[in-house]
Amino acid sequence: MTSGQRCSAFGLAIAGIAIVGAIGQGALNRSAAPPPRSAAKASLFGGEPSASRREKVSLNKADQAGLESLPGIGPVFAGRILELRRQRGSFRSIDELLDVKGIRPDLVERLRPLVTL
């Protein structure tokens, strides 16, 4: 083996070591980190931002999108909340959410720290 061939072989060995090290550290793995979660897409059963980290949603002032930002409230429940508010006027208690068809007590309890009147 000539000295030029030895230098080429040595360079290839160093490059191989660098690539293996980068793979081991995840530098070449583009899917290593999951995409950030949107508050609006938070899980129904956990993972939503705590009340102290987000602004409370007003049941009496929120629009469809504002209500849908709440965990467990999608387009159907948001529409029902808006319809109840239109029919009755302002909410006087968070517990009035129980009058919305399909909303159960466990959802009201999860929403309680996230909403205001």
Protein backbone atom coordinates (compact mmCIF):
# COMPACT_ATOMS: atom_id res chain seq x y z
CA MET A 1 0.00 0.00 0.00
CA THR A 2 1.40 3.37 -0.96
CA SER A 3 1.42 6.34 1.36
CA GLY A 4 -1.38 7.98 -0.70
CA GLN A 5 -3.56 4.92 -0.30
CA ARG A 6 -2.87 4.86 3.45
CA CYS A 7 -3.96 8.51 3.74
CA SER A 8 -7.16 7.80 1.81
CA ALA A 9 -7.93 4.74 3.93
CA PHE A 10 -7.24 6.71 7.11
CA GLY A 11 -9.52 9.57 5.94
CA LEU A 12 -12.32 7.13 5.16
CA ALA A 13 -11.96 5.50 8.56
CA ILE A 14 -12.18 8.87 10.34
CA ALA A 15 -15.24 9.85 8.27
CA GLY A 16 -16.90 6.53 9.11
CA ILE A 17 -16.28 7.03 12.82
CA ALA A 18 -17.76 10.53 12.65
CA ILE A 19 -20.89 9.28 10.87
CA VAL A 20 -21.40 6.43 13.34
CA GLY A 21 -20.97 8.87 16.24
CA ALA A 22 -23.50 11.28 14.72
CA ILE A 23 -26.03 8.50 14.26
CA GLY A 24 -25.55 7.38 17.83
CA GLN A 25 -26.28 10.91 19.03
CA GLY A 26 -29.33 11.25 16.76
CA ALA A 27 -27.85 14.09 14.71
CA LEU A 28 -28.80 12.43 11.42
CA ASN A 29 -32.20 11.22 12.60
CA ARG A 30 -34.58 13.96 11.49
CA SER A 31 -37.62 12.32 13.12
CA ALA A 32 -36.06 12.05 16.59
CA ALA A 33 -38.11 14.88 18.09
CA PRO A 34 -41.91 14.82 17.81
CA PRO A 35 -43.62 17.91 16.42
CA PRO A 36 -44.76 20.44 19.02
CA ARG A 37 -48.32 19.98 20.29
CA SER A 38 -50.85 22.69 19.81
CA ALA A 39 -52.97 23.66 22.81
CA ALA A 40 -56.00 23.36 20.60
CA LYS A 41 -55.11 19.78 19.80
CA ALA A 42 -54.36 18.69 23.35
CA SER A 43 -55.47 15.27 24.41
CA LEU A 44 -58.94 14.86 25.85
CA PHE A 45 -57.60 12.85 28.77
CA GLY A 46 -54.50 14.77 29.76
CA GLY A 47 -51.69 16.80 28.37
CA GLU A 48 -53.60 20.04 28.21
CA PRO A 49 -51.91 23.17 29.53
CA SER A 50 -52.64 23.91 33.16
CA ALA A 51 -54.94 26.77 34.06
CA SER A 52 -51.98 28.76 35.39
CA ARG A 53 -50.25 28.67 31.97
CA ARG A 54 -53.18 29.70 29.79
CA GLU A 55 -55.72 32.48 29.78
CA LYS A 56 -59.17 31.38 30.92
CA VAL A 57 -61.93 31.20 28.32
CA SER A 58 -65.08 33.17 29.11
CA LEU A 59 -68.23 31.12 28.65
CA ASN A 60 -70.15 34.37 28.14
CA LYS A 61 -67.81 36.01 25.61
CA ALA A 62 -65.98 33.24 23.73
CA ASP A 63 -66.72 32.54 20.09
CA GLN A 64 -66.74 29.10 18.44
CA ALA A 65 -62.94 28.99 18.07
CA GLY A 66 -62.38 30.10 21.66
CA LEU A 67 -64.62 27.34 23.00
CA GLU A 68 -63.00 24.78 20.71
CA SER A 69 -59.61 25.64 22.22
CA LEU A 70 -60.79 23.92 25.40
CA PRO A 71 -59.91 20.24 25.89
CA GLY A 72 -62.88 18.00 25.16
CA ILE A 73 -64.82 20.73 23.35
CA GLY A 74 -65.06 20.26 19.61
CA PRO A 75 -67.26 21.93 17.02
CA VAL A 76 -70.46 20.16 18.15
CA PHE A 77 -70.17 20.99 21.86
CA ALA A 78 -69.01 24.54 21.06
CA GLY A 79 -72.08 25.03 18.88
CA ARG A 80 -74.35 23.67 21.61
CA ILE A 81 -72.79 25.98 24.22
CA LEU A 82 -73.29 28.98 21.92
CA GLU A 83 -76.89 27.96 21.24
CA LEU A 84 -77.65 27.60 24.96
CA ARG A 85 -76.11 31.01 25.59
CA ARG A 86 -78.20 32.50 22.77
CA GLN A 87 -81.41 30.98 24.16
CA ARG A 88 -80.87 31.70 27.87
CA GLY A 89 -78.52 34.64 27.96
CA SER A 90 -75.33 34.73 29.99
CA PHE A 91 -74.12 31.78 32.00
CA ARG A 92 -74.49 32.41 35.73
CA SER A 93 -72.59 29.27 36.77
CA ILE A 94 -70.04 26.95 35.21
CA ASP A 95 -72.31 24.11 36.31
CA GLU A 96 -74.81 25.25 33.65
CA LEU A 97 -72.55 23.46 31.15
CA LEU A 98 -74.32 20.33 32.39
CA ASP A 99 -77.41 21.60 30.56
CA VAL A 100 -75.56 21.21 27.24
CA LYS A 101 -76.59 17.91 25.66
CA GLY A 102 -73.73 15.40 25.95
CA ILE A 103 -71.55 17.28 28.43
CA ARG A 104 -70.99 15.10 31.49
CA PRO A 105 -69.89 16.06 35.00
CA ASP A 106 -66.34 14.76 34.49
CA LEU A 107 -65.84 17.13 31.53
CA VAL A 108 -67.24 20.06 33.52
CA GLU A 109 -64.72 19.33 36.29
CA ARG A 110 -61.84 19.26 33.79
CA LEU A 111 -63.02 22.56 32.31
CA ARG A 112 -63.67 24.31 35.63
CA PRO A 113 -60.07 25.66 36.07
CA LEU A 114 -59.92 26.69 32.40
CA VAL A 115 -63.11 28.72 32.08
CA THR A 116 -64.66 31.82 33.59
CA LEU A 117 -68.02 33.54 33.27
